Every structure is written in structure tokens, then in C-alpha cells.
Amino acid sequence: MSDNAEQRGLISALEIIANEAPEDGLSLGEFVDALGERAFGIILFAMALPVSIPFLYGVPQIMSLPMMALAAQMAMGRDEPWLPSQFKSRNLGKASLVSMARGGRKWFGWLEALSRPRLHFLSGPSMERVIGVIFLAFCASIMLPLPLTNSIPGIALAIAALGLLSRDGLLILGGLIMGLIWITLLFVFGAALIDVIKGLLTSAL
């Protein structure tokens, strides 16, 4: 990450990374290295941004498995995140990076500005393991190859990850509740929801 990026907020840093990226984009490993910090929250927040944006195709599929790997490491209590080489080599195009930064500013900029340390017990090491388990469920929903199954859990994960970054337990709690409500609805009404989506797609085509 450039010196300018390191001195500014996370979303500003993402904007700088997108603007400075070469035309052919960055590998996922280069993107993670550009973020500068090795905390789970910062990487998961950045990866959740494109997953949260409706109608941005391809990138959610690239991000879902690495996000699940990171969530599993959180659940196991690892101190630092690690990504296998096959994930690091995946490419993120410049256009996708720009869309990611713009989406972050549009949807989460105000939350970043309002976040502050509170309810510290929700951001401690023991709770991070519990949060990692819940994040695994969110990532499983993101991986489903159906419309609308990525945005809500992606937004929930981004909010909770932003809370981890700022030690804001209220944001963590809000993100977890949002995602768990979605997972519950998907579990209870999943078959009916799939039928409705299939019907809508059939009618549209």
C-alpha cells in the first residue's frame, strides 16, 4: 500500500489501490499485500465489498472460497490470516477493483465515519472464534449460485468485519443479526425461495 493509503481510512485506501492498480488488475495475493495489515477484519471487509454489490458478477465467486478459508481460520483461533497459493493467484480486474472501492464508499463510508470502540467484549479473541463460525455460514450462502444469495450475507459480513476493525461491538452485533436472520429465512423458506427465483428467471427469459 502506498504511504498515502496507509495514512487514510480503509475505504480511502481501497480507492487508492484501485486507482493505482495496473490496467490488467491485481492478483488476490497482491491485493491482500496492498492492504498492508494482516488482520482478519481488514481482509474480510475488503473481500465482502464486491460480494455485497448487486449485479457484480464473477468477483463474488472469486472471493467466496478465500473468504470461507479466512472464516475457518478465525474459528480455529489463528492469530494471522493465511491464503493458499491457488487463491492468491486469482486475478481481480481493474474495473472490479474500481467498482469495489466505489461500492465501499457508497454503502459503507458513513458507517466507517460513525464507528468507534464500544462493547469491547464482542471484539475479543474468544468472540472472534464464535464470529468466525458464523461467518462460515454467511460464506456458504454467498457460494450458492442463485440471485440474491450473495448481497445480504455479504453486507452483513462487511458490517461485522468493519466492527472488528474498529472494535465496535455494536456494528459486529448488527452485522451478525442481519446475516443470521437471512440464513434463517433461507433455511426455512429455501425451497420456496428457489422456486420463486426460478419462476422469475423463466418469465424474464
N, C-alpha and C. Protein backbone atom coordinates (compact mmCIF):
# COMPACT_ATOMS: atom_id res chain seq x y z
N MET A 1 0.85 -1.18 0.00
CA MET A 1 0.00 0.00 0.00
C MET A 1 0.89 1.24 0.00
N SER A 2 0.50 2.27 -0.71
CA SER A 2 1.29 3.50 -0.73
C SER A 2 1.22 4.20 0.62
N ASP A 3 2.19 5.13 0.86
CA ASP A 3 2.19 5.87 2.12
C ASP A 3 0.89 6.64 2.31
N ASN A 4 0.34 7.20 1.22
CA ASN A 4 -0.92 7.94 1.32
C ASN A 4 -2.05 7.04 1.80
N ALA A 5 -2.07 5.82 1.27
CA ALA A 5 -3.13 4.89 1.64
C ALA A 5 -3.04 4.51 3.10
N GLU A 6 -1.79 4.33 3.62
CA GLU A 6 -1.63 3.90 4.98
C GLU A 6 -2.09 4.96 5.98
N GLN A 7 -2.07 6.24 5.55
CA GLN A 7 -2.41 7.33 6.45
C GLN A 7 -3.89 7.65 6.45
N ARG A 8 -4.68 6.97 5.62
CA ARG A 8 -6.09 7.31 5.49
C ARG A 8 -6.94 6.13 5.93
N GLY A 9 -8.27 6.32 5.90
CA GLY A 9 -9.18 5.27 6.30
C GLY A 9 -9.15 4.10 5.33
N LEU A 10 -9.79 3.00 5.74
CA LEU A 10 -9.77 1.80 4.93
C LEU A 10 -10.39 2.01 3.56
N ILE A 11 -11.54 2.66 3.50
CA ILE A 11 -12.20 2.85 2.20
C ILE A 11 -11.37 3.77 1.31
N SER A 12 -10.77 4.80 1.88
CA SER A 12 -9.87 5.65 1.10
C SER A 12 -8.69 4.85 0.59
N ALA A 13 -8.19 3.94 1.42
CA ALA A 13 -7.07 3.09 0.99
C ALA A 13 -7.48 2.20 -0.18
N LEU A 14 -8.71 1.67 -0.14
CA LEU A 14 -9.19 0.84 -1.24
C LEU A 14 -9.29 1.65 -2.53
N GLU A 15 -9.71 2.91 -2.41
CA GLU A 15 -9.79 3.78 -3.58
C GLU A 15 -8.41 4.02 -4.18
N ILE A 16 -7.42 4.23 -3.33
CA ILE A 16 -6.05 4.44 -3.80
C ILE A 16 -5.52 3.19 -4.50
N ILE A 17 -5.76 2.02 -3.90
CA ILE A 17 -5.32 0.76 -4.50
C ILE A 17 -5.94 0.58 -5.88
N ALA A 18 -7.25 0.86 -6.00
CA ALA A 18 -7.94 0.72 -7.29
C ALA A 18 -7.38 1.68 -8.32
N ASN A 19 -7.15 2.92 -7.93
CA ASN A 19 -6.65 3.93 -8.87
C ASN A 19 -5.22 3.63 -9.32
N GLU A 20 -4.42 3.08 -8.42
CA GLU A 20 -3.01 2.82 -8.73
C GLU A 20 -2.78 1.45 -9.36
N ALA A 21 -3.81 0.61 -9.42
CA ALA A 21 -3.66 -0.73 -9.99
C ALA A 21 -3.35 -0.65 -11.49
N PRO A 22 -2.54 -1.56 -12.02
CA PRO A 22 -2.30 -1.60 -13.47
C PRO A 22 -3.57 -1.97 -14.22
N GLU A 23 -3.57 -1.76 -15.52
CA GLU A 23 -4.78 -1.99 -16.32
C GLU A 23 -5.25 -3.44 -16.28
N ASP A 24 -4.31 -4.38 -16.11
CA ASP A 24 -4.71 -5.79 -16.04
C ASP A 24 -5.09 -6.22 -14.63
N GLY A 25 -5.15 -5.28 -13.70
CA GLY A 25 -5.61 -5.56 -12.35
C GLY A 25 -4.52 -6.12 -11.46
N LEU A 26 -4.95 -6.77 -10.37
CA LEU A 26 -4.04 -7.34 -9.38
C LEU A 26 -4.46 -8.77 -9.09
N SER A 27 -3.49 -9.59 -8.74
CA SER A 27 -3.85 -10.89 -8.21
C SER A 27 -4.41 -10.70 -6.80
N LEU A 28 -5.14 -11.70 -6.33
CA LEU A 28 -5.71 -11.60 -4.99
C LEU A 28 -4.60 -11.46 -3.94
N GLY A 29 -3.48 -12.15 -4.17
CA GLY A 29 -2.35 -12.03 -3.26
C GLY A 29 -1.78 -10.62 -3.24
N GLU A 30 -1.65 -10.00 -4.42
CA GLU A 30 -1.16 -8.62 -4.49
C GLU A 30 -2.12 -7.66 -3.82
N PHE A 31 -3.41 -7.92 -3.99
CA PHE A 31 -4.43 -7.07 -3.37
C PHE A 31 -4.34 -7.14 -1.85
N VAL A 32 -4.21 -8.36 -1.31
CA VAL A 32 -4.10 -8.53 0.14
C VAL A 32 -2.83 -7.87 0.66
N ASP A 33 -1.72 -8.02 -0.08
CA ASP A 33 -0.46 -7.37 0.32
C ASP A 33 -0.61 -5.85 0.31
N ALA A 34 -1.36 -5.32 -0.67
CA ALA A 34 -1.54 -3.87 -0.77
C ALA A 34 -2.33 -3.30 0.41
N LEU A 35 -3.15 -4.14 1.03
CA LEU A 35 -3.93 -3.68 2.19
C LEU A 35 -3.04 -3.37 3.38
N GLY A 36 -1.86 -3.97 3.40
CA GLY A 36 -0.86 -3.58 4.39
C GLY A 36 -0.96 -4.28 5.72
N GLU A 37 -2.16 -4.46 6.27
CA GLU A 37 -2.33 -5.08 7.58
C GLU A 37 -2.74 -6.54 7.41
N ARG A 38 -2.46 -7.33 8.43
CA ARG A 38 -2.74 -8.76 8.35
C ARG A 38 -3.90 -9.18 9.25
N ALA A 39 -4.72 -8.26 9.65
CA ALA A 39 -5.88 -8.59 10.49
C ALA A 39 -6.97 -9.23 9.64
N PHE A 40 -7.72 -10.16 10.24
CA PHE A 40 -8.81 -10.80 9.52
C PHE A 40 -9.85 -9.78 9.08
N GLY A 41 -10.16 -8.82 9.97
CA GLY A 41 -11.22 -7.86 9.68
C GLY A 41 -10.98 -7.08 8.41
N ILE A 42 -9.75 -6.58 8.22
CA ILE A 42 -9.48 -5.72 7.07
C ILE A 42 -9.58 -6.50 5.75
N ILE A 43 -9.12 -7.75 5.75
CA ILE A 43 -9.16 -8.54 4.52
C ILE A 43 -10.60 -8.99 4.23
N LEU A 44 -11.32 -9.44 5.25
CA LEU A 44 -12.68 -9.89 5.03
C LEU A 44 -13.59 -8.73 4.61
N PHE A 45 -13.38 -7.54 5.20
CA PHE A 45 -14.17 -6.38 4.79
C PHE A 45 -13.93 -6.08 3.31
N ALA A 46 -12.67 -6.03 2.91
CA ALA A 46 -12.35 -5.72 1.52
C ALA A 46 -12.92 -6.76 0.57
N MET A 47 -12.85 -8.04 0.94
CA MET A 47 -13.39 -9.10 0.08
C MET A 47 -14.91 -9.08 0.05
N ALA A 48 -15.54 -8.65 1.14
CA ALA A 48 -17.00 -8.64 1.20
C ALA A 48 -17.61 -7.52 0.36
N LEU A 49 -16.84 -6.48 0.06
CA LEU A 49 -17.39 -5.35 -0.69
C LEU A 49 -17.96 -5.76 -2.05
N PRO A 50 -17.18 -6.42 -2.92
CA PRO A 50 -17.77 -6.79 -4.22
C PRO A 50 -18.86 -7.83 -4.09
N VAL A 51 -18.79 -8.66 -3.05
CA VAL A 51 -19.85 -9.65 -2.82
C VAL A 51 -21.16 -8.95 -2.49
N SER A 52 -21.08 -7.78 -1.86
CA SER A 52 -22.27 -7.06 -1.42
C SER A 52 -22.96 -6.30 -2.56
N ILE A 53 -22.23 -6.01 -3.62
CA ILE A 53 -22.77 -5.16 -4.68
C ILE A 53 -23.66 -5.98 -5.62
N PRO A 54 -24.94 -5.64 -5.75
CA PRO A 54 -25.82 -6.39 -6.66
C PRO A 54 -25.36 -6.26 -8.11
N PHE A 55 -25.54 -7.35 -8.86
CA PHE A 55 -25.27 -7.39 -10.29
C PHE A 55 -23.79 -7.22 -10.64
N LEU A 56 -22.89 -7.44 -9.68
CA LEU A 56 -21.46 -7.50 -9.99
C LEU A 56 -21.10 -8.98 -10.04
N TYR A 57 -21.01 -9.53 -11.25
CA TYR A 57 -20.85 -10.96 -11.41
C TYR A 57 -19.38 -11.35 -11.56
N GLY A 58 -19.06 -12.57 -11.17
CA GLY A 58 -17.71 -13.08 -11.30
C GLY A 58 -16.89 -12.90 -10.04
N VAL A 59 -16.79 -11.66 -9.55
CA VAL A 59 -15.97 -11.38 -8.38
C VAL A 59 -16.49 -12.10 -7.13
N PRO A 60 -17.82 -12.13 -6.86
CA PRO A 60 -18.27 -12.88 -5.68
C PRO A 60 -17.81 -14.34 -5.70
N GLN A 61 -17.81 -14.95 -6.89
CA GLN A 61 -17.37 -16.33 -7.00
C GLN A 61 -15.87 -16.45 -6.73
N ILE A 62 -15.10 -15.45 -7.15
CA ILE A 62 -13.66 -15.45 -6.89
C ILE A 62 -13.40 -15.31 -5.39
N MET A 63 -14.21 -14.49 -4.73
CA MET A 63 -13.97 -14.16 -3.33
C MET A 63 -14.50 -15.20 -2.35
N SER A 64 -15.53 -15.96 -2.71
CA SER A 64 -16.24 -16.76 -1.72
C SER A 64 -15.37 -17.81 -1.03
N LEU A 65 -14.58 -18.56 -1.80
CA LEU A 65 -13.76 -19.60 -1.19
C LEU A 65 -12.64 -19.04 -0.31
N PRO A 66 -11.90 -18.01 -0.76
CA PRO A 66 -10.92 -17.42 0.17
C PRO A 66 -11.56 -16.86 1.43
N MET A 67 -12.76 -16.26 1.30
CA MET A 67 -13.45 -15.75 2.48
C MET A 67 -13.78 -16.89 3.44
N MET A 68 -14.21 -18.03 2.89
CA MET A 68 -14.52 -19.18 3.74
C MET A 68 -13.25 -19.70 4.43
N ALA A 69 -12.13 -19.70 3.70
CA ALA A 69 -10.87 -20.14 4.29
C ALA A 69 -10.47 -19.23 5.45
N LEU A 70 -10.65 -17.92 5.28
CA LEU A 70 -10.32 -16.98 6.34
C LEU A 70 -11.25 -17.13 7.54
N ALA A 71 -12.55 -17.32 7.26
CA ALA A 71 -13.52 -17.51 8.35
C ALA A 71 -13.18 -18.76 9.15
N ALA A 72 -12.77 -19.83 8.46
CA ALA A 72 -12.40 -21.07 9.14
C ALA A 72 -11.18 -20.85 10.03
N GLN A 73 -10.22 -20.05 9.55
CA GLN A 73 -9.04 -19.75 10.36
C GLN A 73 -9.40 -18.93 11.59
N MET A 74 -10.35 -18.00 11.44
CA MET A 74 -10.84 -17.26 12.61
C MET A 74 -11.45 -18.22 13.62
N ALA A 75 -12.28 -19.15 13.13
CA ALA A 75 -12.95 -20.10 14.02
C ALA A 75 -11.94 -20.98 14.75
N MET A 76 -10.80 -21.26 14.11
CA MET A 76 -9.77 -22.09 14.73
C MET A 76 -8.85 -21.30 15.65
N GLY A 77 -9.02 -19.97 15.69
CA GLY A 77 -8.24 -19.16 16.61
C GLY A 77 -6.87 -18.75 16.12
N ARG A 78 -6.64 -18.78 14.80
CA ARG A 78 -5.35 -18.33 14.28
C ARG A 78 -5.16 -16.83 14.54
N ASP A 79 -3.92 -16.44 14.77
CA ASP A 79 -3.62 -15.03 15.04
C ASP A 79 -3.55 -14.20 13.77
N GLU A 80 -3.06 -14.80 12.68
CA GLU A 80 -2.90 -14.08 11.42
C GLU A 80 -3.51 -14.89 10.29
N PRO A 81 -4.10 -14.20 9.31
CA PRO A 81 -4.71 -14.91 8.17
C PRO A 81 -3.65 -15.44 7.20
N TRP A 82 -4.00 -16.52 6.52
CA TRP A 82 -3.14 -17.13 5.52
C TRP A 82 -4.00 -17.61 4.37
N LEU A 83 -3.54 -17.39 3.12
CA LEU A 83 -4.27 -17.84 1.94
C LEU A 83 -3.40 -18.79 1.13
N PRO A 84 -3.96 -19.92 0.68
CA PRO A 84 -3.21 -20.83 -0.20
C PRO A 84 -2.85 -20.15 -1.52
N SER A 85 -1.82 -20.65 -2.17
CA SER A 85 -1.31 -20.03 -3.40
C SER A 85 -2.36 -20.04 -4.51
N GLN A 86 -3.21 -21.08 -4.56
CA GLN A 86 -4.22 -21.12 -5.63
C GLN A 86 -5.24 -20.00 -5.50
N PHE A 87 -5.47 -19.52 -4.28
CA PHE A 87 -6.36 -18.38 -4.08
C PHE A 87 -5.63 -17.08 -4.40
N LYS A 88 -4.37 -16.98 -3.97
CA LYS A 88 -3.61 -15.76 -4.19
C LYS A 88 -3.42 -15.44 -5.68
N SER A 89 -3.41 -16.47 -6.52
CA SER A 89 -3.16 -16.26 -7.94
C SER A 89 -4.38 -15.78 -8.72
N ARG A 90 -5.55 -15.80 -8.12
CA ARG A 90 -6.76 -15.37 -8.81
C ARG A 90 -6.69 -13.87 -9.10
N ASN A 91 -7.13 -13.50 -10.30
CA ASN A 91 -6.98 -12.11 -10.74
C ASN A 91 -8.23 -11.28 -10.48
N LEU A 92 -8.01 -10.05 -10.03
CA LEU A 92 -9.07 -9.06 -9.87
C LEU A 92 -8.81 -7.95 -10.88
N GLY A 93 -9.70 -7.79 -11.86
CA GLY A 93 -9.52 -6.77 -12.88
C GLY A 93 -9.60 -5.37 -12.30
N LYS A 94 -9.01 -4.42 -12.99
CA LYS A 94 -9.04 -3.03 -12.52
C LYS A 94 -10.46 -2.52 -12.39
N ALA A 95 -11.33 -2.86 -13.35
CA ALA A 95 -12.72 -2.41 -13.30
C ALA A 95 -13.41 -2.94 -12.04
N SER A 96 -13.11 -4.19 -11.67
CA SER A 96 -13.70 -4.77 -10.47
C SER A 96 -13.18 -4.07 -9.21
N LEU A 97 -11.89 -3.72 -9.21
CA LEU A 97 -11.32 -3.02 -8.07
C LEU A 97 -11.95 -1.63 -7.92
N VAL A 98 -12.16 -0.95 -9.06
CA VAL A 98 -12.79 0.38 -9.02
C VAL A 98 -14.23 0.26 -8.50
N SER A 99 -14.97 -0.74 -9.00
CA SER A 99 -16.34 -0.96 -8.54
C SER A 99 -16.38 -1.28 -7.06
N MET A 100 -15.40 -2.06 -6.58
CA MET A 100 -15.31 -2.40 -5.18
C MET A 100 -15.13 -1.15 -4.32
N ALA A 101 -14.20 -0.28 -4.73
CA ALA A 101 -13.94 0.94 -3.96
C ALA A 101 -15.14 1.87 -3.97
N ARG A 102 -15.78 2.00 -5.13
CA ARG A 102 -16.96 2.87 -5.22
C ARG A 102 -18.10 2.33 -4.37
N GLY A 103 -18.30 1.02 -4.42
CA GLY A 103 -19.34 0.41 -3.60
C GLY A 103 -19.06 0.60 -2.11
N GLY A 104 -17.78 0.46 -1.73
CA GLY A 104 -17.42 0.67 -0.34
C GLY A 104 -17.73 2.07 0.13
N ARG A 105 -17.39 3.06 -0.70
CA ARG A 105 -17.67 4.46 -0.36
C ARG A 105 -19.17 4.71 -0.28
N LYS A 106 -19.91 4.18 -1.25
CA LYS A 106 -21.35 4.46 -1.33
C LYS A 106 -22.12 3.82 -0.18
N TRP A 107 -21.81 2.56 0.11
CA TRP A 107 -22.64 1.81 1.05
C TRP A 107 -22.11 1.80 2.48
N PHE A 108 -20.79 1.93 2.64
CA PHE A 108 -20.21 1.76 3.98
C PHE A 108 -19.41 2.95 4.47
N GLY A 109 -19.25 3.99 3.64
CA GLY A 109 -18.47 5.15 4.05
C GLY A 109 -19.02 5.80 5.30
N TRP A 110 -20.34 5.92 5.38
CA TRP A 110 -20.95 6.58 6.54
C TRP A 110 -20.80 5.72 7.80
N LEU A 111 -20.80 4.38 7.64
CA LEU A 111 -20.61 3.51 8.80
C LEU A 111 -19.19 3.62 9.33
N GLU A 112 -18.23 3.70 8.41
CA GLU A 112 -16.84 3.85 8.84
C GLU A 112 -16.67 5.16 9.62
N ALA A 113 -17.35 6.21 9.16
CA ALA A 113 -17.24 7.51 9.83
C ALA A 113 -17.86 7.48 11.23
N LEU A 114 -18.91 6.70 11.41
CA LEU A 114 -19.63 6.67 12.68
C LEU A 114 -19.08 5.63 13.66
N SER A 115 -18.29 4.68 13.17
CA SER A 115 -17.82 3.60 14.03
C SER A 115 -16.85 4.12 15.09
N ARG A 116 -16.90 3.49 16.27
CA ARG A 116 -15.99 3.83 17.36
C ARG A 116 -15.94 2.66 18.33
N PRO A 117 -14.89 2.55 19.12
CA PRO A 117 -14.79 1.43 20.07
C PRO A 117 -15.93 1.43 21.09
N ARG A 118 -16.63 0.31 21.21
CA ARG A 118 -17.69 0.14 22.20
C ARG A 118 -18.05 -1.35 22.27
N LEU A 119 -18.64 -1.76 23.38
CA LEU A 119 -18.98 -3.17 23.61
C LEU A 119 -17.78 -4.05 23.29
N HIS A 120 -16.67 -3.76 23.96
CA HIS A 120 -15.40 -4.40 23.63
C HIS A 120 -15.42 -5.92 23.74
N PHE A 121 -16.28 -6.47 24.58
CA PHE A 121 -16.28 -7.92 24.77
C PHE A 121 -16.65 -8.66 23.49
N LEU A 122 -17.34 -7.98 22.55
CA LEU A 122 -17.73 -8.62 21.30
C LEU A 122 -16.60 -8.68 20.27
N SER A 123 -15.50 -7.99 20.55
CA SER A 123 -14.38 -8.00 19.60
C SER A 123 -13.14 -8.65 20.18
N GLY A 124 -13.29 -9.36 21.31
CA GLY A 124 -12.16 -10.04 21.92
C GLY A 124 -11.80 -11.33 21.22
N PRO A 125 -10.67 -11.94 21.56
CA PRO A 125 -10.20 -13.16 20.89
C PRO A 125 -11.18 -14.33 20.96
N SER A 126 -11.82 -14.53 22.11
CA SER A 126 -12.77 -15.65 22.23
C SER A 126 -13.98 -15.43 21.33
N MET A 127 -14.49 -14.21 21.30
CA MET A 127 -15.65 -13.92 20.44
C MET A 127 -15.28 -14.00 18.97
N GLU A 128 -14.02 -13.69 18.62
CA GLU A 128 -13.62 -13.80 17.21
C GLU A 128 -13.78 -15.23 16.71
N ARG A 129 -13.56 -16.21 17.55
CA ARG A 129 -13.73 -17.60 17.13
C ARG A 129 -15.21 -17.89 16.86
N VAL A 130 -16.08 -17.38 17.72
CA VAL A 130 -17.53 -17.56 17.51
C VAL A 130 -17.95 -16.84 16.22
N ILE A 131 -17.45 -15.63 16.03
CA ILE A 131 -17.77 -14.86 14.82
C ILE A 131 -17.29 -15.59 13.58
N GLY A 132 -16.12 -16.23 13.66
CA GLY A 132 -15.61 -17.00 12.53
C GLY A 132 -16.55 -18.11 12.13
N VAL A 133 -17.13 -18.81 13.11
CA VAL A 133 -18.10 -19.88 12.82
C VAL A 133 -19.32 -19.30 12.11
N ILE A 134 -19.82 -18.16 12.59
CA ILE A 134 -20.98 -17.53 11.97
C ILE A 134 -20.64 -17.06 10.56
N PHE A 135 -19.44 -16.51 10.38
CA PHE A 135 -19.01 -16.09 9.05
C PHE A 135 -18.98 -17.25 8.06
N LEU A 136 -18.67 -18.45 8.54
CA LEU A 136 -18.68 -19.62 7.66
C LEU A 136 -20.07 -19.83 7.06
N ALA A 137 -21.11 -19.65 7.87
CA ALA A 137 -22.48 -19.78 7.37
C ALA A 137 -22.79 -18.71 6.34
N PHE A 138 -22.32 -17.48 6.58
CA PHE A 138 -22.53 -16.41 5.62
C PHE A 138 -21.85 -16.75 4.29
N CYS A 139 -20.62 -17.24 4.37
CA CYS A 139 -19.87 -17.58 3.15
C CYS A 139 -20.53 -18.71 2.38
N ALA A 140 -21.12 -19.66 3.10
CA ALA A 140 -21.83 -20.76 2.43
C ALA A 140 -23.00 -20.22 1.61
N SER A 141 -23.71 -19.22 2.15
CA SER A 141 -24.80 -18.60 1.40
C SER A 141 -24.28 -17.86 0.18
N ILE A 142 -23.15 -17.17 0.34
CA ILE A 142 -22.55 -16.42 -0.77
C ILE A 142 -22.19 -17.35 -1.91
N MET A 143 -21.77 -18.57 -1.59
CA MET A 143 -21.34 -19.53 -2.62
C MET A 143 -22.50 -20.09 -3.43
N LEU A 144 -23.73 -19.99 -2.93
CA LEU A 144 -24.87 -20.54 -3.66
C LEU A 144 -25.02 -19.84 -5.01
N PRO A 145 -25.11 -20.58 -6.10
CA PRO A 145 -25.20 -19.97 -7.43
C PRO A 145 -26.60 -19.50 -7.79
N LEU A 146 -27.17 -18.67 -6.94
CA LEU A 146 -28.52 -18.15 -7.16
C LEU A 146 -28.51 -16.64 -6.98
N PRO A 147 -29.41 -15.93 -7.70
CA PRO A 147 -29.50 -14.48 -7.48
C PRO A 147 -29.92 -14.18 -6.05
N LEU A 148 -29.45 -13.08 -5.54
CA LEU A 148 -29.82 -12.52 -4.24
C LEU A 148 -29.21 -13.25 -3.05
N THR A 149 -28.49 -14.37 -3.27
CA THR A 149 -27.96 -15.11 -2.13
C THR A 149 -26.61 -14.57 -1.67
N ASN A 150 -26.02 -13.64 -2.42
CA ASN A 150 -24.70 -13.13 -2.03
C ASN A 150 -24.77 -11.76 -1.35
N SER A 151 -25.69 -10.89 -1.79
CA SER A 151 -25.65 -9.50 -1.34
C SER A 151 -25.93 -9.34 0.14
N ILE A 152 -27.00 -9.95 0.65
CA ILE A 152 -27.37 -9.75 2.05
C ILE A 152 -26.32 -10.32 3.01
N PRO A 153 -25.88 -11.59 2.83
CA PRO A 153 -24.82 -12.06 3.73
C PRO A 153 -23.50 -11.31 3.52
N GLY A 154 -23.25 -10.84 2.29
CA GLY A 154 -22.04 -10.05 2.04
C GLY A 154 -22.07 -8.73 2.80
N ILE A 155 -23.22 -8.05 2.77
CA ILE A 155 -23.36 -6.80 3.52
C ILE A 155 -23.22 -7.05 5.01
N ALA A 156 -23.87 -8.11 5.49
CA ALA A 156 -23.80 -8.45 6.91
C ALA A 156 -22.36 -8.72 7.33
N LEU A 157 -21.62 -9.47 6.50
CA LEU A 157 -20.24 -9.78 6.82
C LEU A 157 -19.38 -8.53 6.81
N ALA A 158 -19.63 -7.64 5.83
CA ALA A 158 -18.85 -6.40 5.74
C ALA A 158 -19.08 -5.52 6.97
N ILE A 159 -20.33 -5.42 7.42
CA ILE A 159 -20.63 -4.61 8.61
C ILE A 159 -19.93 -5.18 9.85
N ALA A 160 -20.03 -6.51 10.01
CA ALA A 160 -19.40 -7.14 11.18
C ALA A 160 -17.88 -7.03 11.10
N ALA A 161 -17.31 -7.19 9.90
CA ALA A 161 -15.85 -7.08 9.73
C ALA A 161 -15.39 -5.66 10.02
N LEU A 162 -16.17 -4.67 9.59
CA LEU A 162 -15.84 -3.28 9.90
C LEU A 162 -15.87 -3.05 11.41
N GLY A 163 -16.83 -3.70 12.08
CA GLY A 163 -16.88 -3.63 13.53
C GLY A 163 -15.65 -4.24 14.19
N LEU A 164 -15.17 -5.36 13.64
CA LEU A 164 -13.94 -5.96 14.16
C LEU A 164 -12.76 -5.02 14.01
N LEU A 165 -12.69 -4.35 12.86
CA LEU A 165 -11.59 -3.42 12.59
C LEU A 165 -11.56 -2.27 13.58
N SER A 166 -12.74 -1.71 13.86
CA SER A 166 -12.82 -0.53 14.72
C SER A 166 -13.12 -0.86 16.17
N ARG A 167 -13.18 -2.18 16.49
CA ARG A 167 -13.53 -2.64 17.83
C ARG A 167 -14.90 -2.11 18.26
N ASP A 168 -15.80 -2.03 17.28
CA ASP A 168 -17.15 -1.53 17.52
C ASP A 168 -18.10 -2.72 17.65
N GLY A 169 -18.38 -3.11 18.89
CA GLY A 169 -19.24 -4.25 19.13
C GLY A 169 -20.65 -4.07 18.61
N LEU A 170 -21.12 -2.82 18.55
CA LEU A 170 -22.47 -2.58 18.05
C LEU A 170 -22.56 -2.93 16.57
N LEU A 171 -21.54 -2.55 15.80
CA LEU A 171 -21.52 -2.92 14.38
C LEU A 171 -21.41 -4.43 14.21
N ILE A 172 -20.56 -5.05 15.02
CA ILE A 172 -20.43 -6.51 14.95
C ILE A 172 -21.78 -7.17 15.19
N LEU A 173 -22.47 -6.74 16.25
CA LEU A 173 -23.76 -7.32 16.60
C LEU A 173 -24.78 -7.09 15.49
N GLY A 174 -24.81 -5.87 14.94
CA GLY A 174 -25.75 -5.57 13.87
C GLY A 174 -25.52 -6.43 12.64
N GLY A 175 -24.26 -6.60 12.25
CA GLY A 175 -23.95 -7.43 11.10
C GLY A 175 -24.31 -8.88 11.32
N LEU A 176 -24.00 -9.40 12.50
CA LEU A 176 -24.31 -10.80 12.79
C LEU A 176 -25.82 -11.05 12.80
N ILE A 177 -26.57 -10.14 13.42
CA ILE A 177 -28.03 -10.32 13.47
C ILE A 177 -28.61 -10.29 12.05
N MET A 178 -28.17 -9.35 11.25
CA MET A 178 -28.67 -9.24 9.87
C MET A 178 -28.41 -10.53 9.10
N GLY A 179 -27.17 -11.03 9.18
CA GLY A 179 -26.83 -12.25 8.45
C GLY A 179 -27.55 -13.47 8.97
N LEU A 180 -27.70 -13.58 10.29
CA LEU A 180 -28.37 -14.75 10.85
C LEU A 180 -29.85 -14.77 10.51
N ILE A 181 -30.48 -13.60 10.45
CA ILE A 181 -31.89 -13.54 10.01
C ILE A 181 -32.01 -14.05 8.59
N TRP A 182 -31.06 -13.63 7.71
CA TRP A 182 -31.08 -14.08 6.31
C TRP A 182 -30.87 -15.60 6.23
N ILE A 183 -29.90 -16.12 6.97
CA ILE A 183 -29.62 -17.56 6.95
C ILE A 183 -30.84 -18.34 7.43
N THR A 184 -31.51 -17.83 8.47
CA THR A 184 -32.71 -18.49 8.98
C THR A 184 -33.81 -18.51 7.93
N LEU A 185 -34.03 -17.37 7.28
CA LEU A 185 -35.06 -17.31 6.23
C LEU A 185 -34.71 -18.25 5.08
N LEU A 186 -33.44 -18.30 4.72
CA LEU A 186 -33.01 -19.17 3.63
C LEU A 186 -33.21 -20.63 3.99
N PHE A 187 -32.94 -20.96 5.26
CA PHE A 187 -33.09 -22.34 5.71
C PHE A 187 -34.56 -22.74 5.78
N VAL A 188 -35.41 -21.85 6.28
CA VAL A 188 -36.82 -22.17 6.47
C VAL A 188 -37.59 -22.13 5.15
N PHE A 189 -37.29 -21.10 4.33
CA PHE A 189 -38.06 -20.90 3.11
C PHE A 189 -37.23 -21.15 1.85
N GLY A 190 -36.11 -21.86 2.00
CA GLY A 190 -35.18 -22.02 0.89
C GLY A 190 -35.81 -22.60 -0.36
N ALA A 191 -36.53 -23.71 -0.22
CA ALA A 191 -37.12 -24.37 -1.40
C ALA A 191 -38.12 -23.45 -2.09
N ALA A 192 -38.98 -22.79 -1.29
CA ALA A 192 -39.96 -21.88 -1.88
C ALA A 192 -39.26 -20.70 -2.54
N LEU A 193 -38.20 -20.21 -1.91
CA LEU A 193 -37.46 -19.07 -2.46
C LEU A 193 -36.83 -19.44 -3.79
N ILE A 194 -36.24 -20.65 -3.88
CA ILE A 194 -35.63 -21.10 -5.12
C ILE A 194 -36.67 -21.21 -6.22
N ASP A 195 -37.86 -21.74 -5.88
CA ASP A 195 -38.93 -21.86 -6.88
C ASP A 195 -39.36 -20.49 -7.39
N VAL A 196 -39.45 -19.51 -6.48
CA VAL A 196 -39.84 -18.16 -6.89
C VAL A 196 -38.79 -17.56 -7.82
N ILE A 197 -37.52 -17.72 -7.46
CA ILE A 197 -36.43 -17.17 -8.29
C ILE A 197 -36.43 -17.85 -9.67
N LYS A 198 -36.58 -19.18 -9.69
CA LYS A 198 -36.63 -19.90 -10.96
C LYS A 198 -37.79 -19.41 -11.82
N GLY A 199 -38.94 -19.19 -11.19
CA GLY A 199 -40.10 -18.69 -11.92
C GLY A 199 -39.86 -17.33 -12.51
N LEU A 200 -39.24 -16.43 -11.73
CA LEU A 200 -38.94 -15.09 -12.21
C LEU A 200 -37.96 -15.13 -13.37
N LEU A 201 -36.93 -15.97 -13.25
CA LEU A 201 -35.95 -16.08 -14.31
C LEU A 201 -36.55 -16.67 -15.58
N THR A 202 -37.41 -17.68 -15.41
CA THR A 202 -38.08 -18.29 -16.57
C THR A 202 -38.96 -17.28 -17.30
N SER A 203 -39.69 -16.48 -16.52
CA SER A 203 -40.55 -15.46 -17.11
C SER A 203 -39.73 -14.40 -17.85
N ALA A 204 -38.59 -14.02 -17.25
CA ALA A 204 -37.75 -12.99 -17.86
C ALA A 204 -37.13 -13.49 -19.16
N LEU A 205 -36.82 -14.79 -19.22
CA LEU A 205 -36.18 -15.34 -20.41
C LEU A 205 -37.20 -15.79 -21.45
